[in-house]
Amino acid sequence: MSLKVCLLLMLITVSMLTHEIVAQKSAHCQSPIDKGSCRAVMKRYAYNPAMNQCEQFMYGGCGGNENNFKTEQECEETCV
């Protein structure tokens, strides 16, 4: 194979892998804020796609979804 073909195949592979990683991250971030079904009061952060920012909410301690981060920094690194 020529060098150009090898480089093109590598570029396509990296592009596809990057797209898959971004799609997985955004799927977590697009879930609605879910406080869960229990009654604990835990300060958590979730991404609000309409505002393009992370918001604090009170998590009940069980249930919920993957749009639930212990710190604002973790939320921003994942979603913003």
PDB file of N, CA and C in Angstrom:
ATOM      1  N   MET A   1       0.841  -1.189   0.000  1.00  0.00           N
ATOM      2  CA  MET A   1       0.000   0.000   0.000  1.00  0.00           C
ATOM      3  C   MET A   1       0.877   1.241   0.000  1.00  0.00           C
ATOM      4  N   SER A   2       0.377   2.234  -0.663  1.00  0.00           N
ATOM      5  CA  SER A   2       1.157   3.464  -0.685  1.00  0.00           C
ATOM      6  C   SER A   2       1.000   4.212   0.633  1.00  0.00           C
ATOM      7  N   LEU A   3       1.907   5.098   0.885  1.00  0.00           N
ATOM      8  CA  LEU A   3       1.896   5.887   2.113  1.00  0.00           C
ATOM      9  C   LEU A   3       0.628   6.730   2.208  1.00  0.00           C
ATOM     10  N   LYS A   4       0.186   7.278   1.094  1.00  0.00           N
ATOM     11  CA  LYS A   4      -1.023   8.117   1.092  1.00  0.00           C
ATOM     12  C   LYS A   4      -2.255   7.309   1.494  1.00  0.00           C
ATOM     13  N   VAL A   5      -2.361   6.103   1.000  1.00  0.00           N
ATOM     14  CA  VAL A   5      -3.506   5.247   1.329  1.00  0.00           C
ATOM     15  C   VAL A   5      -3.473   4.882   2.807  1.00  0.00           C
ATOM     16  N   CYS A   6      -2.305   4.540   3.319  1.00  0.00           N
ATOM     17  CA  CYS A   6      -2.178   4.208   4.747  1.00  0.00           C
ATOM     18  C   CYS A   6      -2.553   5.394   5.619  1.00  0.00           C
ATOM     19  N   LEU A   7      -2.070   6.564   5.273  1.00  0.00           N
ATOM     20  CA  LEU A   7      -2.403   7.764   6.040  1.00  0.00           C
ATOM     21  C   LEU A   7      -3.895   8.070   5.975  1.00  0.00           C
ATOM     22  N   LEU A   8      -4.485   7.884   4.824  1.00  0.00           N
ATOM     23  CA  LEU A   8      -5.920   8.124   4.674  1.00  0.00           C
ATOM     24  C   LEU A   8      -6.726   7.151   5.533  1.00  0.00           C
ATOM     25  N   LEU A   9      -6.356   5.886   5.532  1.00  0.00           N
ATOM     26  CA  LEU A   9      -7.047   4.897   6.360  1.00  0.00           C
ATOM     27  C   LEU A   9      -6.890   5.205   7.848  1.00  0.00           C
ATOM     28  N   MET A  10      -5.713   5.635   8.251  1.00  0.00           N
ATOM     29  CA  MET A  10      -5.504   6.006   9.654  1.00  0.00           C
ATOM     30  C   MET A  10      -6.349   7.214  10.030  1.00  0.00           C
ATOM     31  N   LEU A  11      -6.424   8.191   9.160  1.00  0.00           N
ATOM     32  CA  LEU A  11      -7.225   9.388   9.413  1.00  0.00           C
ATOM     33  C   LEU A  11      -8.704   9.040   9.539  1.00  0.00           C
ATOM     34  N   ILE A  12      -9.191   8.191   8.679  1.00  0.00           N
ATOM     35  CA  ILE A  12     -10.597   7.765   8.734  1.00  0.00           C
ATOM     36  C   ILE A  12     -10.870   7.011  10.034  1.00  0.00           C
ATOM     37  N   THR A  13      -9.975   6.126  10.428  1.00  0.00           N
ATOM     38  CA  THR A  13     -10.152   5.360  11.668  1.00  0.00           C
ATOM     39  C   THR A  13     -10.181   6.275  12.883  1.00  0.00           C
ATOM     40  N   VAL A  14      -9.245   7.195  12.976  1.00  0.00           N
ATOM     41  CA  VAL A  14      -9.206   8.134  14.102  1.00  0.00           C
ATOM     42  C   VAL A  14     -10.463   8.993  14.122  1.00  0.00           C
ATOM     43  N   SER A  15     -10.895   9.434  12.973  1.00  0.00           N
ATOM     44  CA  SER A  15     -12.107  10.253  12.887  1.00  0.00           C
ATOM     45  C   SER A  15     -13.331   9.491  13.381  1.00  0.00           C
ATOM     46  N   MET A  16     -13.459   8.236  12.989  1.00  0.00           N
ATOM     47  CA  MET A  16     -14.602   7.429  13.418  1.00  0.00           C
ATOM     48  C   MET A  16     -14.569   7.181  14.922  1.00  0.00           C
ATOM     49  N   LEU A  17     -13.406   6.891  15.477  1.00  0.00           N
ATOM     50  CA  LEU A  17     -13.280   6.659  16.917  1.00  0.00           C
ATOM     51  C   LEU A  17     -13.591   7.925  17.706  1.00  0.00           C
ATOM     52  N   THR A  18     -13.119   9.060  17.235  1.00  0.00           N
ATOM     53  CA  THR A  18     -13.406  10.334  17.896  1.00  0.00           C
ATOM     54  C   THR A  18     -14.892  10.619  17.876  1.00  0.00           C
ATOM     55  N   HIS A  19     -15.535  10.381  16.762  1.00  0.00           N
ATOM     56  CA  HIS A  19     -16.977  10.606  16.646  1.00  0.00           C
ATOM     57  C   HIS A  19     -17.739   9.724  17.631  1.00  0.00           C
ATOM     58  N   GLU A  20     -17.335   8.481  17.789  1.00  0.00           N
ATOM     59  CA  GLU A  20     -18.000   7.553  18.708  1.00  0.00           C
ATOM     60  C   GLU A  20     -17.850   8.010  20.151  1.00  0.00           C
ATOM     61  N   ILE A  21     -16.674   8.473  20.534  1.00  0.00           N
ATOM     62  CA  ILE A  21     -16.450   8.955  21.903  1.00  0.00           C
ATOM     63  C   ILE A  21     -17.304  10.184  22.177  1.00  0.00           C
ATOM     64  N   VAL A  22     -17.365  11.115  21.254  1.00  0.00           N
ATOM     65  CA  VAL A  22     -18.181  12.324  21.421  1.00  0.00           C
ATOM     66  C   VAL A  22     -19.653  11.953  21.508  1.00  0.00           C
ATOM     67  N   ALA A  23     -20.106  11.006  20.710  1.00  0.00           N
ATOM     68  CA  ALA A  23     -21.512  10.586  20.744  1.00  0.00           C
ATOM     69  C   ALA A  23     -21.866   9.978  22.094  1.00  0.00           C
ATOM     70  N   GLN A  24     -20.967   9.198  22.675  1.00  0.00           N
ATOM     71  CA  GLN A  24     -21.225   8.604  23.988  1.00  0.00           C
ATOM     72  C   GLN A  24     -21.310   9.673  25.060  1.00  0.00           C
ATOM     73  N   LYS A  25     -20.406  10.634  25.040  1.00  0.00           N
ATOM     74  CA  LYS A  25     -20.434  11.711  26.023  1.00  0.00           C
ATOM     75  C   LYS A  25     -21.722  12.499  25.912  1.00  0.00           C
ATOM     76  N   SER A  26     -22.093  12.870  24.708  1.00  0.00           N
ATOM     77  CA  SER A  26     -23.273  13.706  24.554  1.00  0.00           C
ATOM     78  C   SER A  26     -24.545  12.958  24.924  1.00  0.00           C
ATOM     79  N   ALA A  27     -24.570  11.649  24.779  1.00  0.00           N
ATOM     80  CA  ALA A  27     -25.766  10.888  25.164  1.00  0.00           C
ATOM     81  C   ALA A  27     -26.000  11.005  26.662  1.00  0.00           C
ATOM     82  N   HIS A  28     -24.943  10.924  27.474  1.00  0.00           N
ATOM     83  CA  HIS A  28     -25.077  11.084  28.924  1.00  0.00           C
ATOM     84  C   HIS A  28     -25.570  12.489  29.250  1.00  0.00           C
ATOM     85  N   CYS A  29     -25.055  13.454  28.541  1.00  0.00           N
ATOM     86  CA  CYS A  29     -25.343  14.855  28.851  1.00  0.00           C
ATOM     87  C   CYS A  29     -26.729  15.288  28.383  1.00  0.00           C
ATOM     88  N   GLN A  30     -27.334  14.567  27.477  1.00  0.00           N
ATOM     89  CA  GLN A  30     -28.647  14.949  26.957  1.00  0.00           C
ATOM     90  C   GLN A  30     -29.798  14.423  27.801  1.00  0.00           C
ATOM     91  N   SER A  31     -29.518  13.547  28.737  1.00  0.00           N
ATOM     92  CA  SER A  31     -30.576  13.005  29.599  1.00  0.00           C
ATOM     93  C   SER A  31     -31.135  14.116  30.480  1.00  0.00           C
ATOM     94  N   PRO A  32     -32.433  14.072  30.773  1.00  0.00           N
ATOM     95  CA  PRO A  32     -33.021  15.095  31.651  1.00  0.00           C
ATOM     96  C   PRO A  32     -32.498  14.948  33.084  1.00  0.00           C
ATOM     97  N   ILE A  33     -32.533  16.038  33.826  1.00  0.00           N
ATOM     98  CA  ILE A  33     -32.131  15.980  35.232  1.00  0.00           C
ATOM     99  C   ILE A  33     -33.122  15.091  35.966  1.00  0.00           C
ATOM    100  N   ASP A  34     -32.602  14.090  36.673  1.00  0.00           N
ATOM    101  CA  ASP A  34     -33.447  13.133  37.393  1.00  0.00           C
ATOM    102  C   ASP A  34     -32.974  13.056  38.837  1.00  0.00           C
ATOM    103  N   LYS A  35     -33.798  13.517  39.756  1.00  0.00           N
ATOM    104  CA  LYS A  35     -33.433  13.571  41.175  1.00  0.00           C
ATOM    105  C   LYS A  35     -33.402  12.202  41.829  1.00  0.00           C
ATOM    106  N   GLY A  36     -33.924  11.185  41.168  1.00  0.00           N
ATOM    107  CA  GLY A  36     -33.949   9.842  41.731  1.00  0.00           C
ATOM    108  C   GLY A  36     -35.176   9.628  42.594  1.00  0.00           C
ATOM    109  N   SER A  37     -35.330   8.399  43.063  1.00  0.00           N
ATOM    110  CA  SER A  37     -36.560   8.029  43.772  1.00  0.00           C
ATOM    111  C   SER A  37     -36.418   7.974  45.290  1.00  0.00           C
ATOM    112  N   CYS A  38     -35.213   8.118  45.817  1.00  0.00           N
ATOM    113  CA  CYS A  38     -35.028   8.073  47.276  1.00  0.00           C
ATOM    114  C   CYS A  38     -35.071   9.484  47.863  1.00  0.00           C
ATOM    115  N   ARG A  39     -34.931   9.576  49.169  1.00  0.00           N
ATOM    116  CA  ARG A  39     -35.151  10.859  49.844  1.00  0.00           C
ATOM    117  C   ARG A  39     -33.898  11.489  50.447  1.00  0.00           C
ATOM    118  N   ALA A  40     -32.740  11.005  50.100  1.00  0.00           N
ATOM    119  CA  ALA A  40     -31.511  11.633  50.592  1.00  0.00           C
ATOM    120  C   ALA A  40     -31.380  13.018  49.956  1.00  0.00           C
ATOM    121  N   VAL A  41     -30.511  13.827  50.488  1.00  0.00           N
ATOM    122  CA  VAL A  41     -30.270  15.156  49.923  1.00  0.00           C
ATOM    123  C   VAL A  41     -28.769  15.275  49.655  1.00  0.00           C
ATOM    124  N   MET A  42     -28.411  15.047  48.386  1.00  0.00           N
ATOM    125  CA  MET A  42     -27.004  15.092  47.985  1.00  0.00           C
ATOM    126  C   MET A  42     -26.846  16.147  46.907  1.00  0.00           C
ATOM    127  N   LYS A  43     -25.906  17.066  47.098  1.00  0.00           N
ATOM    128  CA  LYS A  43     -25.660  18.095  46.095  1.00  0.00           C
ATOM    129  C   LYS A  43     -24.950  17.457  44.905  1.00  0.00           C
ATOM    130  N   ARG A  44     -25.547  17.580  43.752  1.00  0.00           N
ATOM    131  CA  ARG A  44     -24.980  17.043  42.509  1.00  0.00           C
ATOM    132  C   ARG A  44     -25.132  18.079  41.400  1.00  0.00           C
ATOM    133  N   TYR A  45     -24.532  17.768  40.258  1.00  0.00           N
ATOM    134  CA  TYR A  45     -24.591  18.648  39.098  1.00  0.00           C
ATOM    135  C   TYR A  45     -25.023  17.849  37.880  1.00  0.00           C
ATOM    136  N   ALA A  46     -25.797  18.496  37.029  1.00  0.00           N
ATOM    137  CA  ALA A  46     -26.251  17.878  35.781  1.00  0.00           C
ATOM    138  C   ALA A  46     -26.149  18.915  34.677  1.00  0.00           C
ATOM    139  N   TYR A  47     -25.949  18.443  33.464  1.00  0.00           N
ATOM    140  CA  TYR A  47     -25.836  19.341  32.320  1.00  0.00           C
ATOM    141  C   TYR A  47     -27.217  19.696  31.795  1.00  0.00           C
ATOM    142  N   ASN A  48     -27.436  20.986  31.559  1.00  0.00           N
ATOM    143  CA  ASN A  48     -28.673  21.483  30.965  1.00  0.00           C
ATOM    144  C   ASN A  48     -28.347  21.896  29.532  1.00  0.00           C
ATOM    145  N   PRO A  49     -28.735  21.090  28.530  1.00  0.00           N
ATOM    146  CA  PRO A  49     -28.365  21.402  27.146  1.00  0.00           C
ATOM    147  C   PRO A  49     -28.993  22.695  26.627  1.00  0.00           C
ATOM    148  N   ALA A  50     -30.157  23.067  27.122  1.00  0.00           N
ATOM    149  CA  ALA A  50     -30.801  24.303  26.668  1.00  0.00           C
ATOM    150  C   ALA A  50     -29.989  25.533  27.080  1.00  0.00           C
ATOM    151  N   MET A  51     -29.341  25.451  28.240  1.00  0.00           N
ATOM    152  CA  MET A  51     -28.544  26.574  28.748  1.00  0.00           C
ATOM    153  C   MET A  51     -27.045  26.400  28.460  1.00  0.00           C
ATOM    154  N   ASN A  52     -26.663  25.231  27.955  1.00  0.00           N
ATOM    155  CA  ASN A  52     -25.264  24.882  27.694  1.00  0.00           C
ATOM    156  C   ASN A  52     -24.393  25.102  28.932  1.00  0.00           C
ATOM    157  N   GLN A  53     -24.908  24.647  30.080  1.00  0.00           N
ATOM    158  CA  GLN A  53     -24.138  24.761  31.323  1.00  0.00           C
ATOM    159  C   GLN A  53     -24.575  23.697  32.314  1.00  0.00           C
ATOM    160  N   CYS A  54     -23.748  23.485  33.304  1.00  0.00           N
ATOM    161  CA  CYS A  54     -24.070  22.528  34.364  1.00  0.00           C
ATOM    162  C   CYS A  54     -24.827  23.247  35.471  1.00  0.00           C
ATOM    163  N   GLU A  55     -25.816  22.554  36.036  1.00  0.00           N
ATOM    164  CA  GLU A  55     -26.649  23.129  37.086  1.00  0.00           C
ATOM    165  C   GLU A  55     -26.621  22.227  38.309  1.00  0.00           C
ATOM    166  N   GLN A  56     -26.683  22.843  39.460  1.00  0.00           N
ATOM    167  CA  GLN A  56     -26.752  22.089  40.709  1.00  0.00           C
ATOM    168  C   GLN A  56     -28.179  21.598  40.923  1.00  0.00           C
ATOM    169  N   PHE A  57     -28.308  20.387  41.478  1.00  0.00           N
ATOM    170  CA  PHE A  57     -29.611  19.862  41.878  1.00  0.00           C
ATOM    171  C   PHE A  57     -29.404  18.950  43.072  1.00  0.00           C
ATOM    172  N   MET A  58     -30.476  18.611  43.737  1.00  0.00           N
ATOM    173  CA  MET A  58     -30.396  17.732  44.895  1.00  0.00           C
ATOM    174  C   MET A  58     -30.807  16.324  44.479  1.00  0.00           C
ATOM    175  N   TYR A  59     -29.877  15.393  44.611  1.00  0.00           N
ATOM    176  CA  TYR A  59     -30.074  13.998  44.225  1.00  0.00           C
ATOM    177  C   TYR A  59     -30.560  13.213  45.433  1.00  0.00           C
ATOM    178  N   GLY A  60     -31.534  12.347  45.207  1.00  0.00           N
ATOM    179  CA  GLY A  60     -32.126  11.562  46.287  1.00  0.00           C
ATOM    180  C   GLY A  60     -31.313  10.363  46.735  1.00  0.00           C
ATOM    181  N   GLY A  61     -30.270   9.990  45.995  1.00  0.00           N
ATOM    182  CA  GLY A  61     -29.399   8.912  46.438  1.00  0.00           C
ATOM    183  C   GLY A  61     -29.555   7.594  45.709  1.00  0.00           C
ATOM    184  N   CYS A  62     -30.629   7.387  44.970  1.00  0.00           N
ATOM    185  CA  CYS A  62     -30.780   6.156  44.187  1.00  0.00           C
ATOM    186  C   CYS A  62     -31.618   6.456  42.954  1.00  0.00           C
ATOM    187  N   GLY A  63     -31.489   5.595  41.956  1.00  0.00           N
ATOM    188  CA  GLY A  63     -32.194   5.830  40.701  1.00  0.00           C
ATOM    189  C   GLY A  63     -31.489   6.931  39.924  1.00  0.00           C
ATOM    190  N   GLY A  64     -32.241   7.672  39.182  1.00  0.00           N
ATOM    191  CA  GLY A  64     -31.658   8.742  38.380  1.00  0.00           C
ATOM    192  C   GLY A  64     -31.103   8.219  37.068  1.00  0.00           C
ATOM    193  N   ASN A  65     -30.188   8.978  36.478  1.00  0.00           N
ATOM    194  CA  ASN A  65     -29.581   8.583  35.213  1.00  0.00           C
ATOM    195  C   ASN A  65     -28.112   9.016  35.190  1.00  0.00           C
ATOM    196  N   GLU A  66     -27.483   8.920  34.039  1.00  0.00           N
ATOM    197  CA  GLU A  66     -26.045   9.191  33.936  1.00  0.00           C
ATOM    198  C   GLU A  66     -25.707  10.675  33.877  1.00  0.00           C
ATOM    199  N   ASN A  67     -26.714  11.539  33.775  1.00  0.00           N
ATOM    200  CA  ASN A  67     -26.483  12.984  33.809  1.00  0.00           C
ATOM    201  C   ASN A  67     -26.480  13.418  35.275  1.00  0.00           C
ATOM    202  N   ASN A  68     -25.480  12.953  36.016  1.00  0.00           N
ATOM    203  CA  ASN A  68     -25.405  13.136  37.464  1.00  0.00           C
ATOM    204  C   ASN A  68     -23.925  13.107  37.852  1.00  0.00           C
ATOM    205  N   PHE A  69     -23.395  14.263  38.230  1.00  0.00           N
ATOM    206  CA  PHE A  69     -21.968  14.390  38.512  1.00  0.00           C
ATOM    207  C   PHE A  69     -21.747  14.908  39.928  1.00  0.00           C
ATOM    208  N   LYS A  70     -20.715  14.402  40.594  1.00  0.00           N
ATOM    209  CA  LYS A  70     -20.433  14.804  41.972  1.00  0.00           C
ATOM    210  C   LYS A  70     -19.926  16.235  42.060  1.00  0.00           C
ATOM    211  N   THR A  71     -19.226  16.698  41.026  1.00  0.00           N
ATOM    212  CA  THR A  71     -18.694  18.058  41.052  1.00  0.00           C
ATOM    213  C   THR A  71     -19.079  18.804  39.780  1.00  0.00           C
ATOM    214  N   GLU A  72     -19.113  20.112  39.887  1.00  0.00           N
ATOM    215  CA  GLU A  72     -19.395  20.939  38.720  1.00  0.00           C
ATOM    216  C   GLU A  72     -18.284  20.782  37.691  1.00  0.00           C
ATOM    217  N   GLN A  73     -17.052  20.662  38.154  1.00  0.00           N
ATOM    218  CA  GLN A  73     -15.922  20.489  37.251  1.00  0.00           C
ATOM    219  C   GLN A  73     -16.053  19.203  36.437  1.00  0.00           C
ATOM    220  N   GLU A  74     -16.435  18.114  37.082  1.00  0.00           N
ATOM    221  CA  GLU A  74     -16.620  16.841  36.376  1.00  0.00           C
ATOM    222  C   GLU A  74     -17.707  16.970  35.314  1.00  0.00           C
ATOM    223  N   CYS A  75     -18.790  17.651  35.654  1.00  0.00           N
ATOM    224  CA  CYS A  75     -19.883  17.872  34.704  1.00  0.00           C
ATOM    225  C   CYS A  75     -19.392  18.676  33.502  1.00  0.00           C
ATOM    226  N   GLU A  76     -18.680  19.754  33.773  1.00  0.00           N
ATOM    227  CA  GLU A  76     -18.201  20.614  32.689  1.00  0.00           C
ATOM    228  C   GLU A  76     -17.183  19.906  31.808  1.00  0.00           C
ATOM    229  N   GLU A  77     -16.292  19.128  32.405  1.00  0.00           N
ATOM    230  CA  GLU A  77     -15.296  18.400  31.617  1.00  0.00           C
ATOM    231  C   GLU A  77     -15.947  17.367  30.710  1.00  0.00           C
ATOM    232  N   THR A  78     -17.058  16.813  31.137  1.00  0.00           N
ATOM    233  CA  THR A  78     -17.740  15.784  30.363  1.00  0.00           C
ATOM    234  C   THR A  78     -18.665  16.368  29.307  1.00  0.00           C
ATOM    235  N   CYS A  79     -19.342  17.457  29.642  1.00  0.00           N
ATOM    236  CA  CYS A  79     -20.454  17.901  28.796  1.00  0.00           C
ATOM    237  C   CYS A  79     -20.287  19.250  28.099  1.00  0.00           C
ATOM    238  N   VAL A  80     -19.543  20.168  28.684  1.00  0.00           N
ATOM    239  CA  VAL A  80     -19.477  21.524  28.104  1.00  0.00           C
ATOM    240  C   VAL A  80     -18.366  21.585  27.083  1.00  0.00           C
TER     241      VAL A  80
END
